[in-house]
C-alpha atoms as a PDB file:
ATOM      1  CA  MET A   1     129.040  79.208 117.978  1.00  0.00           C
ATOM      2  CA  THR A   2     128.238  82.732 118.772  1.00  0.00           C
ATOM      3  CA  ARG A   3     124.788  84.149 119.828  1.00  0.00           C
ATOM      4  CA  SER A   4     124.485  86.115 116.604  1.00  0.00           C
ATOM      5  CA  SER A   5     124.888  83.155 114.275  1.00  0.00           C
ATOM      6  CA  ILE A   6     122.313  80.984 116.156  1.00  0.00           C
ATOM      7  CA  ARG A   7     120.331  83.672 115.879  1.00  0.00           C
ATOM      8  CA  GLU A   8     120.687  83.632 111.922  1.00  0.00           C
ATOM      9  CA  LYS A   9     120.044  80.156 111.338  1.00  0.00           C
ATOM     10  CA  VAL A  10     116.908  80.504 113.522  1.00  0.00           C
ATOM     11  CA  LEU A  11     115.878  83.268 111.043  1.00  0.00           C
ATOM     12  CA  VAL A  12     116.848  81.319 108.297  1.00  0.00           C
ATOM     13  CA  TYR A  13     115.091  78.010 109.345  1.00  0.00           C
ATOM     14  CA  GLY A  14     112.040  80.104 110.426  1.00  0.00           C
ATOM     15  CA  GLY A  15     112.056  81.879 107.026  1.00  0.00           C
ATOM     16  CA  TYR A  16     112.027  78.557 105.159  1.00  0.00           C
ATOM     17  CA  SER A  17     109.264  76.951 107.127  1.00  0.00           C
ATOM     18  CA  SER A  18     107.235  79.979 106.625  1.00  0.00           C
ATOM     19  CA  PHE A  19     107.566  80.080 103.193  1.00  0.00           C
ATOM     20  CA  PHE A  20     106.771  76.576 102.826  1.00  0.00           C
ATOM     21  CA  SER A  21     103.548  76.996 105.032  1.00  0.00           C
ATOM     22  CA  VAL A  22     102.520  80.061 102.938  1.00  0.00           C
ATOM     23  CA  ALA A  23     103.415  78.314  99.505  1.00  0.00           C
ATOM     24  CA  PHE A  24     101.376  74.817 100.557  1.00  0.00           C
ATOM     25  CA  VAL A  25      98.307  77.031 101.657  1.00  0.00           C
ATOM     26  CA  ILE A  26      98.328  79.025  98.336  1.00  0.00           C
ATOM     27  CA  CYS A  27      99.001  76.013  96.209  1.00  0.00           C
ATOM     28  CA  ALA A  28      96.232  74.212  97.936  1.00  0.00           C
ATOM     29  CA  TYR A  29      93.951  77.121  97.785  1.00  0.00           C
ATOM     30  CA  PHE A  30      94.342  77.318  93.930  1.00  0.00           C
ATOM     31  CA  THR A  31      94.656  73.617  93.107  1.00  0.00           C
ATOM     32  CA  PHE A  32      92.026  72.223  95.521  1.00  0.00           C
ATOM     33  CA  PRO A  33      89.242  70.094  93.363  1.00  0.00           C
ATOM     34  CA  TYR A  34      86.540  72.296  93.843  1.00  0.00           C
ATOM     35  CA  ASP A  35      84.429  70.662  91.285  1.00  0.00           C
ATOM     36  CA  LYS A  36      84.730  67.262  93.014  1.00  0.00           C
ATOM     37  CA  ALA A  37      84.073  68.743  96.034  1.00  0.00           C
ATOM     38  CA  ARG A  38      80.743  70.269  94.375  1.00  0.00           C
ATOM     39  CA  ASP A  39      79.661  66.863  93.076  1.00  0.00           C
ATOM     40  CA  PHE A  40      80.417  65.454  96.602  1.00  0.00           C
ATOM     41  CA  ILE A  41      78.302  67.943  98.493  1.00  0.00           C
ATOM     42  CA  VAL A  42      75.338  67.516  95.903  1.00  0.00           C
ATOM     43  CA  SER A  43      75.360  63.778  95.897  1.00  0.00           C
ATOM     44  CA  LYS A  44      75.616  63.568  99.797  1.00  0.00           C
ATOM     45  CA  VAL A  45      72.390  65.826 100.150  1.00  0.00           C
ATOM     46  CA  SER A  46      70.825  63.901  97.039  1.00  0.00           C
ATOM     47  CA  ASP A  47      71.302  60.416  98.448  1.00  0.00           C
ATOM     48  CA  ASN A  48      69.312  60.777 101.583  1.00  0.00           C
ATOM     49  CA  GLY A  49      66.091  58.629 100.928  1.00  0.00           C
ATOM     50  CA  GLY A  50      62.635  59.001 102.397  1.00  0.00           C
ATOM     51  CA  PRO A  51      59.577  61.030 101.935  1.00  0.00           C
ATOM     52  CA  ASP A  52      61.357  64.447 102.597  1.00  0.00           C
ATOM     53  CA  ALA A  53      64.397  63.412 100.487  1.00  0.00           C
ATOM     54  CA  LEU A  54      65.938  66.695  98.821  1.00  0.00           C
ATOM     55  CA  THR A  55      67.826  67.526  95.714  1.00  0.00           C
ATOM     56  CA  LEU A  56      70.372  69.944  95.701  1.00  0.00           C
ATOM     57  CA  SER A  57      71.894  71.325  92.520  1.00  0.00           C
ATOM     58  CA  ILE A  58      74.881  73.804  92.404  1.00  0.00           C
ATOM     59  CA  GLY A  59      75.938  75.793  89.280  1.00  0.00           C
ATOM     60  CA  ASP A  60      79.285  76.568  90.344  1.00  0.00           C
ATOM     61  CA  LEU A  61      81.436  76.348  93.401  1.00  0.00           C
ATOM     62  CA  ARG A  62      84.581  78.222  93.971  1.00  0.00           C
ATOM     63  CA  PRO A  63      86.606  79.395  96.858  1.00  0.00           C
ATOM     64  CA  SER A  64      86.013  82.544  98.816  1.00  0.00           C
ATOM     65  CA  TRP A  65      88.830  83.876 100.764  1.00  0.00           C
ATOM     66  CA  LEU A  66      90.632  81.332 103.098  1.00  0.00           C
ATOM     67  CA  THR A  67      88.057  79.444 104.765  1.00  0.00           C
ATOM     68  CA  GLY A  68      85.032  79.849 102.647  1.00  0.00           C
ATOM     69  CA  VAL A  69      83.384  78.899  99.307  1.00  0.00           C
ATOM     70  CA  SER A  70      81.103  80.511  97.208  1.00  0.00           C
ATOM     71  CA  LEU A  71      78.433  78.878  95.047  1.00  0.00           C
ATOM     72  CA  GLU A  72      76.263  80.006  92.243  1.00  0.00           C
ATOM     73  CA  ASP A  73      72.930  79.175  90.893  1.00  0.00           C
ATOM     74  CA  VAL A  74      72.083  76.946  93.793  1.00  0.00           C
ATOM     75  CA  SER A  75      68.654  75.092  93.914  1.00  0.00           C
ATOM     76  CA  LEU A  76      67.101  72.867  96.614  1.00  0.00           C
ATOM     77  CA  SER A  77      64.081  70.769  95.629  1.00  0.00           C
ATOM     78  CA  ARG A  78      61.941  68.165  97.141  1.00  0.00           C
ATOM     79  CA  PRO A  79      59.437  65.975  95.118  1.00  0.00           C
ATOM     80  CA  ALA A  80      55.564  66.105  95.227  1.00  0.00           C
ATOM     81  CA  ALA A  81      54.443  64.248  98.290  1.00  0.00           C
ATOM     82  CA  THR A  82      51.260  63.393  96.136  1.00  0.00           C
ATOM     83  CA  ALA A  83      50.647  62.682  92.323  1.00  0.00           C
ATOM     84  CA  ASP A  84      48.675  66.064  92.111  1.00  0.00           C
ATOM     85  CA  ALA A  85      50.497  68.071  94.472  1.00  0.00           C
ATOM     86  CA  PRO A  86      53.179  70.199  92.767  1.00  0.00           C
ATOM     87  CA  ALA A  87      57.132  69.896  93.678  1.00  0.00           C
ATOM     88  CA  THR A  88      58.948  72.283  95.934  1.00  0.00           C
ATOM     89  CA  ASN A  89      61.790  74.299  95.062  1.00  0.00           C
ATOM     90  CA  LEU A  90      64.065  77.112  96.636  1.00  0.00           C
ATOM     91  CA  HIS A  91      66.674  79.041  94.373  1.00  0.00           C
ATOM     92  CA  PHE A  92      69.360  81.479  95.211  1.00  0.00           C
ATOM     93  CA  ASP A  93      71.295  83.108  92.548  1.00  0.00           C
ATOM     94  CA  ARG A  94      74.564  83.025  95.068  1.00  0.00           C
ATOM     95  CA  ILE A  95      75.702  81.809  98.440  1.00  0.00           C
ATOM     96  CA  SER A  96      78.856  82.274 100.062  1.00  0.00           C
ATOM     97  CA  ALA A  97      79.677  80.498 103.338  1.00  0.00           C
ATOM     98  CA  ARG A  98      82.833  80.828 105.632  1.00  0.00           C
ATOM     99  CA  ALA A  99      83.780  79.008 108.717  1.00  0.00           C
ATOM    100  CA  SER A 100      85.455  80.711 111.717  1.00  0.00           C
ATOM    101  CA  LEU A 101      88.796  79.178 112.217  1.00  0.00           C
ATOM    102  CA  PHE A 102      89.123  80.752 115.674  1.00  0.00           C
ATOM    103  CA  SER A 103      85.533  79.322 117.021  1.00  0.00           C
ATOM    104  CA  LEU A 104      87.108  75.778 115.529  1.00  0.00           C
ATOM    105  CA  LEU A 105      90.058  76.252 118.010  1.00  0.00           C
ATOM    106  CA  LEU A 106      87.510  76.922 120.917  1.00  0.00           C
ATOM    107  CA  GLY A 107      85.458  73.963 120.242  1.00  0.00           C
ATOM    108  CA  SER A 108      82.618  75.514 118.611  1.00  0.00           C
ATOM    109  CA  ARG A 109      81.384  76.151 115.211  1.00  0.00           C
ATOM    110  CA  ASN A 110      80.588  79.290 113.680  1.00  0.00           C
ATOM    111  CA  LEU A 111      79.437  79.901 109.869  1.00  0.00           C
ATOM    112  CA  SER A 112      78.801  83.044 108.305  1.00  0.00           C
ATOM    113  CA  ILE A 113      76.250  82.710 105.263  1.00  0.00           C
ATOM    114  CA  ASP A 114      75.513  85.512 102.503  1.00  0.00           C
ATOM    115  CA  ALA A 115      72.575  84.813  99.628  1.00  0.00           C
ATOM    116  CA  GLU A 116      71.497  86.833  96.912  1.00  0.00           C
ATOM    117  CA  VAL A 117      68.184  86.254  95.244  1.00  0.00           C
ATOM    118  CA  GLY A 118      67.477  89.162  92.497  1.00  0.00           C
ATOM    119  CA  ALA A 119      68.132  92.337  93.941  1.00  0.00           C
ATOM    120  CA  GLY A 120      67.579  91.039  97.242  1.00  0.00           C
ATOM    121  CA  SER A 121      70.038  89.422 100.211  1.00  0.00           C
ATOM    122  CA  LEU A 122      70.004  87.578 103.536  1.00  0.00           C
ATOM    123  CA  SER A 123      72.925  87.363 105.868  1.00  0.00           C
ATOM    124  CA  ALA A 124      73.262  85.120 108.727  1.00  0.00           C
ATOM    125  CA  LYS A 125      75.559  83.819 111.136  1.00  0.00           C
ATOM    126  CA  VAL A 126      75.095  80.418 112.329  1.00  0.00           C
ATOM    127  CA  GLY A 127      76.818  78.869 115.623  1.00  0.00           C
ATOM    128  CA  GLN A 128      76.731  75.564 117.010  1.00  0.00           C
ATOM    129  CA  ASP A 129      78.326  74.543 120.384  1.00  0.00           C
ATOM    130  CA  SER A 130      77.796  72.401 123.282  1.00  0.00           C
ATOM    131  CA  GLU A 131      74.501  74.181 124.429  1.00  0.00           C
ATOM    132  CA  GLY A 132      72.794  74.081 120.722  1.00  0.00           C
ATOM    133  CA  GLN A 133      72.763  76.486 117.797  1.00  0.00           C
ATOM    134  CA  HIS A 134      72.370  80.246 117.657  1.00  0.00           C
ATOM    135  CA  ILE A 135      70.853  81.622 114.468  1.00  0.00           C
ATOM    136  CA  ASP A 136      71.135  85.641 113.648  1.00  0.00           C
ATOM    137  CA  ALA A 137      69.818  86.475 110.317  1.00  0.00           C
ATOM    138  CA  GLU A 138      68.889  89.833 108.704  1.00  0.00           C
ATOM    139  CA  LEU A 139      66.618  89.610 105.262  1.00  0.00           C
ATOM    140  CA  THR A 140      66.645  92.845 103.012  1.00  0.00           C
ATOM    141  CA  ASP A 141      64.166  92.996 100.024  1.00  0.00           C
ATOM    142  CA  LEU A 142      64.332  89.317  99.513  1.00  0.00           C
ATOM    143  CA  ASP A 143      61.987  88.477  96.471  1.00  0.00           C
ATOM    144  CA  LEU A 144      59.895  85.548  97.221  1.00  0.00           C
ATOM    145  CA  GLN A 145      59.007  84.706  93.597  1.00  0.00           C
ATOM    146  CA  GLN A 146      62.252  84.230  92.546  1.00  0.00           C
ATOM    147  CA  LEU A 147      63.213  82.583  95.818  1.00  0.00           C
ATOM    148  CA  GLY A 148      60.439  80.064  95.041  1.00  0.00           C
ATOM    149  CA  LEU A 149      59.077  80.206  98.743  1.00  0.00           C
ATOM    150  CA  GLY A 150      55.374  79.871  97.468  1.00  0.00           C
ATOM    151  CA  SER A 151      56.129  76.295  96.376  1.00  0.00           C
ATOM    152  CA  PHE A 152      56.886  75.514 100.221  1.00  0.00           C
ATOM    153  CA  VAL A 153      53.682  76.867 101.720  1.00  0.00           C
ATOM    154  CA  GLY A 154      51.580  75.422  98.901  1.00  0.00           C
ATOM    155  CA  ALA A 155      50.497  78.735  97.097  1.00  0.00           C
ATOM    156  CA  PRO A 156      52.202  80.863  94.545  1.00  0.00           C
ATOM    157  CA  LEU A 157      53.621  84.193  96.373  1.00  0.00           C
ATOM    158  CA  LYS A 158      55.035  87.314  95.321  1.00  0.00           C
ATOM    159  CA  GLY A 159      56.458  90.294  97.579  1.00  0.00           C
ATOM    160  CA  THR A 160      59.965  91.248  98.957  1.00  0.00           C
ATOM    161  CA  ALA A 161      60.685  90.416 102.361  1.00  0.00           C
ATOM    162  CA  SER A 162      62.701  91.941 104.921  1.00  0.00           C
ATOM    163  CA  GLY A 163      63.387  91.286 108.893  1.00  0.00           C
ATOM    164  CA  THR A 164      65.553  90.005 111.334  1.00  0.00           C
ATOM    165  CA  VAL A 165      65.658  86.387 113.042  1.00  0.00           C
ATOM    166  CA  SER A 166      67.636  86.128 116.513  1.00  0.00           C
ATOM    167  CA  LEU A 167      67.063  82.483 117.919  1.00  0.00           C
ATOM    168  CA  VAL A 168      68.786  80.282 120.516  1.00  0.00           C
ATOM    169  CA  LEU A 169      68.270  76.474 119.991  1.00  0.00           C
ATOM    170  CA  PRO A 170      69.447  74.574 122.537  1.00  0.00           C
ATOM    171  CA  ASP A 171      69.107  70.552 122.211  1.00  0.00           C
ATOM    172  CA  ASP A 172      66.176  71.191 124.795  1.00  0.00           C
ATOM    173  CA  ALA A 173      63.527  72.659 122.844  1.00  0.00           C
ATOM    174  CA  LEU A 174      61.884  73.703 125.705  1.00  0.00           C
ATOM    175  CA  LYS A 175      64.905  76.135 126.747  1.00  0.00           C
ATOM    176  CA  SER A 176      64.797  77.889 123.223  1.00  0.00           C
ATOM    177  CA  SER A 177      64.354  81.618 123.032  1.00  0.00           C
ATOM    178  CA  GLY A 178      64.428  84.449 120.542  1.00  0.00           C
ATOM    179  CA  ASN A 179      62.531  87.283 118.259  1.00  0.00           C
ATOM    180  CA  ILE A 180      61.587  87.211 114.650  1.00  0.00           C
ATOM    181  CA  GLU A 181      60.293  90.384 113.052  1.00  0.00           C
ATOM    182  CA  LEU A 182      59.261  89.990 109.242  1.00  0.00           C
ATOM    183  CA  LYS A 183      57.538  92.534 106.677  1.00  0.00           C
ATOM    184  CA  VAL A 184      56.724  91.566 103.414  1.00  0.00           C
ATOM    185  CA  ALA A 185      56.005  94.291 101.129  1.00  0.00           C
ATOM    186  CA  GLY A 186      53.442  94.009  97.953  1.00  0.00           C
ATOM    187  CA  LEU A 187      52.126  90.584  99.024  1.00  0.00           C
ATOM    188  CA  HIS A 188      50.213  88.633  96.312  1.00  0.00           C
ATOM    189  CA  LEU A 189      49.194  85.315  96.755  1.00  0.00           C
ATOM    190  CA  GLY A 190      47.705  83.039  93.862  1.00  0.00           C
ATOM    191  CA  ASP A 191      48.156  83.221  89.930  1.00  0.00           C
ATOM    192  CA  GLY A 192      45.126  81.921  88.366  1.00  0.00           C
ATOM    193  CA  LYS A 193      46.573  79.090  87.301  1.00  0.00           C
ATOM    194  CA  ALA A 194      48.113  76.885  90.158  1.00  0.00           C
ATOM    195  CA  LYS A 195      45.918  74.541  92.410  1.00  0.00           C
ATOM    196  CA  ILE A 196      45.765  75.239  96.056  1.00  0.00           C
ATOM    197  CA  LYS A 197      44.884  72.457  98.859  1.00  0.00           C
ATOM    198  CA  ALA A 198      42.105  73.194 100.510  1.00  0.00           C
ATOM    199  CA  PRO A 199      40.308  71.474 103.433  1.00  0.00           C
ATOM    200  CA  GLY A 200      36.863  69.638 102.156  1.00  0.00           C
ATOM    201  CA  MET A 201      38.289  70.417  98.505  1.00  0.00           C
ATOM    202  CA  PRO A 202      40.361  66.898  97.311  1.00  0.00           C
ATOM    203  CA  SER A 203      40.748  68.520  94.032  1.00  0.00           C
ATOM    204  CA  GLY A 204      42.176  72.045  95.275  1.00  0.00           C
ATOM    205  CA  LEU A 205      40.871  75.289  94.270  1.00  0.00           C
ATOM    206  CA  THR A 206      42.525  77.713  91.757  1.00  0.00           C
ATOM    207  CA  LEU A 207      42.777  80.926  93.315  1.00  0.00           C
ATOM    208  CA  ASP A 208      42.544  84.525  91.232  1.00  0.00           C
ATOM    209  CA  GLU A 209      45.889  86.893  92.327  1.00  0.00           C
ATOM    210  CA  VAL A 210      45.248  88.411  95.496  1.00  0.00           C
ATOM    211  CA  ASP A 211      46.531  91.805  96.769  1.00  0.00           C
ATOM    212  CA  ALA A 212      47.251  91.144 100.466  1.00  0.00           C
ATOM    213  CA  GLY A 213      49.289  94.544 100.921  1.00  0.00           C
ATOM    214  CA  THR A 214      51.989  94.632 103.198  1.00  0.00           C
ATOM    215  CA  PHE A 215      52.082  91.856 105.877  1.00  0.00           C
ATOM    216  CA  GLU A 216      53.750  91.955 108.974  1.00  0.00           C
ATOM    217  CA  LEU A 217      54.786  89.159 111.805  1.00  0.00           C
ATOM    218  CA  ALA A 218      56.403  89.229 115.213  1.00  0.00           C
ATOM    219  CA  LEU A 219      57.121  86.148 117.188  1.00  0.00           C
ATOM    220  CA  GLN A 220      58.627  86.145 120.320  1.00  0.00           C
ATOM    221  CA  THR A 221      60.090  82.755 121.770  1.00  0.00           C
ATOM    222  CA  GLN A 222      60.255  82.080 125.405  1.00  0.00           C
ATOM    223  CA  GLU A 223      60.996  78.535 127.207  1.00  0.00           C
ATOM    224  CA  GLY A 224      60.281  76.736 124.088  1.00  0.00           C
ATOM    225  CA  VAL A 225      57.148  78.495 122.893  1.00  0.00           C
ATOM    226  CA  SER A 226      56.612  81.102 120.253  1.00  0.00           C
ATOM    227  CA  THR A 227      53.887  83.496 120.611  1.00  0.00           C
ATOM    228  CA  LEU A 228      52.194  85.521 117.854  1.00  0.00           C
ATOM    229  CA  SER A 229      52.490  89.325 118.938  1.00  0.00           C
ATOM    230  CA  ARG A 230      51.679  90.517 115.549  1.00  0.00           C
ATOM    231  CA  PHE A 231      50.390  88.637 112.357  1.00  0.00           C
ATOM    232  CA  SER A 232      48.676  90.863 109.884  1.00  0.00           C
ATOM    233  CA  SER A 233      48.035  92.260 106.421  1.00  0.00           C
ATOM    234  CA  ASN A 234      46.015  94.976 105.083  1.00  0.00           C
ATOM    235  CA  GLY A 235      45.264  94.602 101.316  1.00  0.00           C
ATOM    236  CA  ARG A 236      43.277  95.962  98.550  1.00  0.00           C
ATOM    237  CA  ASP A 237      41.591  92.236  98.200  1.00  0.00           C
ATOM    238  CA  LEU A 238      42.288  90.550 101.716  1.00  0.00           C
ATOM    239  CA  LYS A 239      42.874  91.713 105.106  1.00  0.00           C
ATOM    240  CA  VAL A 240      44.483  88.923 107.458  1.00  0.00           C
ATOM    241  CA  SER A 241      44.866  88.961 111.361  1.00  0.00           C
ATOM    242  CA  GLY A 242      45.998  85.903 113.400  1.00  0.00           C
ATOM    243  CA  SER A 243      47.319  84.702 116.988  1.00  0.00           C
ATOM    244  CA  GLY A 244      48.225  81.856 118.695  1.00  0.00           C
ATOM    245  CA  THR A 245      51.486  80.013 119.728  1.00  0.00           C
ATOM    246  CA  VAL A 246      54.007  77.384 117.742  1.00  0.00           C
ATOM    247  CA  ARG A 247      55.584  74.653 120.399  1.00  0.00           C
ATOM    248  CA  LEU A 248      59.295  74.391 119.053  1.00  0.00           C
ATOM    249  CA  GLY A 249      60.283  70.733 118.612  1.00  0.00           C
ATOM    250  CA  ASN A 250      63.909  69.629 117.678  1.00  0.00           C
ATOM    251  CA  PRO A 251      64.426  69.501 114.840  1.00  0.00           C
ATOM    252  CA  LEU A 252      62.402  72.673 113.840  1.00  0.00           C
ATOM    253  CA  ARG A 253      60.161  70.745 111.303  1.00  0.00           C
ATOM    254  CA  LEU A 254      58.487  68.769 114.226  1.00  0.00           C
ATOM    255  CA  SER A 255      57.652  72.264 115.783  1.00  0.00           C
ATOM    256  CA  ARG A 256      53.668  72.346 116.589  1.00  0.00           C
ATOM    257  CA  PRO A 257      51.728  75.415 115.587  1.00  0.00           C
ATOM    258  CA  ASP A 258      48.286  76.274 117.133  1.00  0.00           C
ATOM    259  CA  LEU A 259      47.218  79.446 115.316  1.00  0.00           C
ATOM    260  CA  ILE A 260      43.888  81.047 114.501  1.00  0.00           C
ATOM    261  CA  LEU A 261      43.746  82.926 111.305  1.00  0.00           C
ATOM    262  CA  GLU A 262      40.954  85.273 110.324  1.00  0.00           C
ATOM    263  CA  LEU A 263      40.668  86.021 106.511  1.00  0.00           C
ATOM    264  CA  LYS A 264      38.375  88.970 105.063  1.00  0.00           C
ATOM    265  CA  PHE A 265      38.391  89.296 101.112  1.00  0.00           C
ATOM    266  CA  SER A 266      36.474  92.446  99.679  1.00  0.00           C
ATOM    267  CA  ASP A 267      33.213  92.389  98.002  1.00  0.00           C
ATOM    268  CA  THR A 268      35.264  93.739  94.777  1.00  0.00           C
ATOM    269  CA  TYR A 269      37.538  90.468  94.785  1.00  0.00           C
ATOM    270  CA  LYS A 270      34.724  88.195  95.561  1.00  0.00           C
ATOM    271  CA  ASN A 271      33.107  89.633  92.366  1.00  0.00           C
ATOM    272  CA  LYS A 272      36.196  89.728  90.345  1.00  0.00           C
ATOM    273  CA  SER A 273      35.693  86.875  87.748  1.00  0.00           C
ATOM    274  CA  ASP A 274      33.563  83.956  87.140  1.00  0.00           C
ATOM    275  CA  ARG A 275      35.927  81.949  88.935  1.00  0.00           C
ATOM    276  CA  THR A 276      35.810  84.060  92.183  1.00  0.00           C
ATOM    277  CA  LYS A 277      32.205  84.092  92.105  1.00  0.00           C
ATOM    278  CA  SER A 278      31.918  80.316  91.907  1.00  0.00           C
ATOM    279  CA  LEU A 279      34.319  79.871  94.640  1.00  0.00           C
ATOM    280  CA  PHE A 280      32.304  81.823  97.029  1.00  0.00           C
ATOM    281  CA  GLU A 281      29.190  80.196  96.378  1.00  0.00           C
ATOM    282  CA  ILE A 282      30.953  76.827  96.713  1.00  0.00           C
ATOM    283  CA  LEU A 283      32.281  77.803 100.135  1.00  0.00           C
ATOM    284  CA  GLY A 284      28.793  79.067 101.050  1.00  0.00           C
ATOM    285  CA  LEU A 285      27.350  75.339 100.247  1.00  0.00           C
ATOM    286  CA  GLN A 286      29.599  73.627 102.576  1.00  0.00           C
ATOM    287  CA  PRO A 287      28.572  73.563 106.167  1.00  0.00           C
ATOM    288  CA  GLU A 288      32.126  73.712 107.697  1.00  0.00           C
ATOM    289  CA  TRP A 289      32.897  76.609 105.920  1.00  0.00           C
ATOM    290  CA  ARG A 290      29.804  78.355 106.440  1.00  0.00           C
ATOM    291  CA  ARG A 291      30.559  77.642 110.648  1.00  0.00           C
ATOM    292  CA  ALA A 292      33.648  79.495 109.879  1.00  0.00           C
ATOM    293  CA  LEU A 293      32.296  82.621 108.759  1.00  0.00           C
ATOM    294  CA  GLY A 294      31.918  85.451 111.136  1.00  0.00           C
ATOM    295  CA  PRO A 295      29.154  88.046 111.286  1.00  0.00           C
ATOM    296  CA  ASP A 296      31.669  90.649 109.525  1.00  0.00           C
ATOM    297  CA  GLY A 297      32.583  88.009 106.726  1.00  0.00           C
ATOM    298  CA  ALA A 298      35.667  86.896 107.968  1.00  0.00           C
ATOM    299  CA  LEU A 299      36.782  83.338 107.361  1.00  0.00           C
ATOM    300  CA  ARG A 300      38.675  81.705 110.540  1.00  0.00           C
ATOM    301  CA  LEU A 301      40.966  78.892 109.994  1.00  0.00           C
ATOM    302  CA  ARG A 302      43.092  76.697 112.027  1.00  0.00           C
ATOM    303  CA  LEU A 303      46.457  75.798 111.541  1.00  0.00           C
ATOM    304  CA  GLY A 304      47.817  72.618 113.215  1.00  0.00           C
ATOM    305  CA  GLY A 305      49.692  69.447 112.938  1.00  0.00           C
ATOM    306  CA  ILE A 306      53.698  70.126 112.630  1.00  0.00           C
ATOM    307  CA  LEU A 307      55.635  72.285 110.526  1.00  0.00           C
ATOM    308  CA  GLY A 308      56.610  69.684 108.416  1.00  0.00           C
ATOM    309  CA  ALA A 309      53.165  68.755 107.452  1.00  0.00           C
ATOM    310  CA  LEU A 310      50.701  71.492 108.366  1.00  0.00           C
ATOM    311  CA  ARG A 311      47.059  70.791 108.766  1.00  0.00           C
ATOM    312  CA  VAL A 312      44.610  74.011 107.532  1.00  0.00           C
ATOM    313  CA  ALA A 313      40.928  73.389 108.674  1.00  0.00           C
ATOM    314  CA  PRO A 314      37.875  75.988 108.737  1.00  0.00           C
ATOM    315  CA  SER A 315      37.333  77.023 112.692  1.00  0.00           C
ATOM    316  CA  ALA A 316      33.959  77.217 113.842  1.00  0.00           C
ATOM    317  CA  VAL A 317      33.019  80.850 115.053  1.00  0.00           C
ATOM    318  CA  GLY A 318      32.208  80.792 118.764  1.00  0.00           C
ATOM    319  CA  PRO A 319      30.735  83.182 121.230  1.00  0.00           C
ATOM    320  CA  ALA A 320      32.483  86.624 121.234  1.00  0.00           C
ATOM    321  CA  THR A 321      35.624  86.999 123.481  1.00  0.00           C
ATOM    322  CA  PRO A 322      37.641  89.658 124.731  1.00  0.00           C
ATOM    323  CA  GLY A 323      39.928  91.024 121.551  1.00  0.00           C
ATOM    324  CA  HIS A 324      37.697  89.535 118.990  1.00  0.00           C
ATOM    325  CA  GLY A 325      38.495  90.969 115.622  1.00  0.00           C
ATOM    326  CA  LYS A 326      41.747  92.190 116.796  1.00  0.00           C
ATOM    327  CA  GLY A 327      43.787  88.739 115.864  1.00  0.00           C
ATOM    328  CA  LYS A 328      43.160  87.651 119.629  1.00  0.00           C
ATOM    329  CA  ALA A 329      43.018  83.863 119.600  1.00  0.00           C
ATOM    330  CA  HIS A 330      39.613  82.397 120.457  1.00  0.00           C
ATOM    331  CA  THR A 331      38.935  78.610 120.476  1.00  0.00           C
ATOM    332  CA  ARG A 332      35.944  76.446 119.749  1.00  0.00           C
END
């Protein structure tokens, strides 16, 4: 057998093998039971019991390129913790996720995620290796009301969020690092209908819509501690400043915030309606809320507990400290 004939046979058999591999991949790609895959994903998420049980709903699941999927009409909800509390629900119009085959060959997992909510978007790259997780994300004009974020923070929210997230989250939370920059344009809180939980008010309170203007947040993380370098808004009805730290935990919902917020409502808002007049009169009658009012009328709140179960309480105003009134933390 001559060298040329051997080469011809190798090319023929190689061609057959390549054709079979390509045909197999194409057939598998287009005939894969994506509806069953969608139902399987939904059942795996929804079957997890416990007080933090989540329910996932996916309208449609289809392939996206070779290693990805595209999901339409995606909702993630959690039942109300108590009978008088609202259920929480996040909704995305579309989510596409794609895995990196190259990273899998190297023993790590990299996932690219793109999501759309209304006219806004979120793009993220999430990596997992032996050292922990790496998260890089960018938000562009993400509609908070359509996203449903207000249901997770306990108050109706409106506004569009833009910003960046860059975090390294090792298994040892004390080694976490990164930065978060966030801006919410046209932030509004409350809708005059929903009940908002408030310390000392078991039945909650109904808040008329508040114009909080543009909200800005900057968070720097080093050695497992995130420090607020900027937390402010300067709206027509409400001005907010804040400071403090968040000690990161693993998982993130176990992180422990220690934050002081100062909220100053305008006189116009306080007299906006009979409801707002009554609300501030009631606050003025409660000793713990009176102690939390500063000389300039700003109300101080302390956020504690864990991220998965935040505790908000009035924080008594103490003696003046350096930076008072500029968002610097000062304790009781």
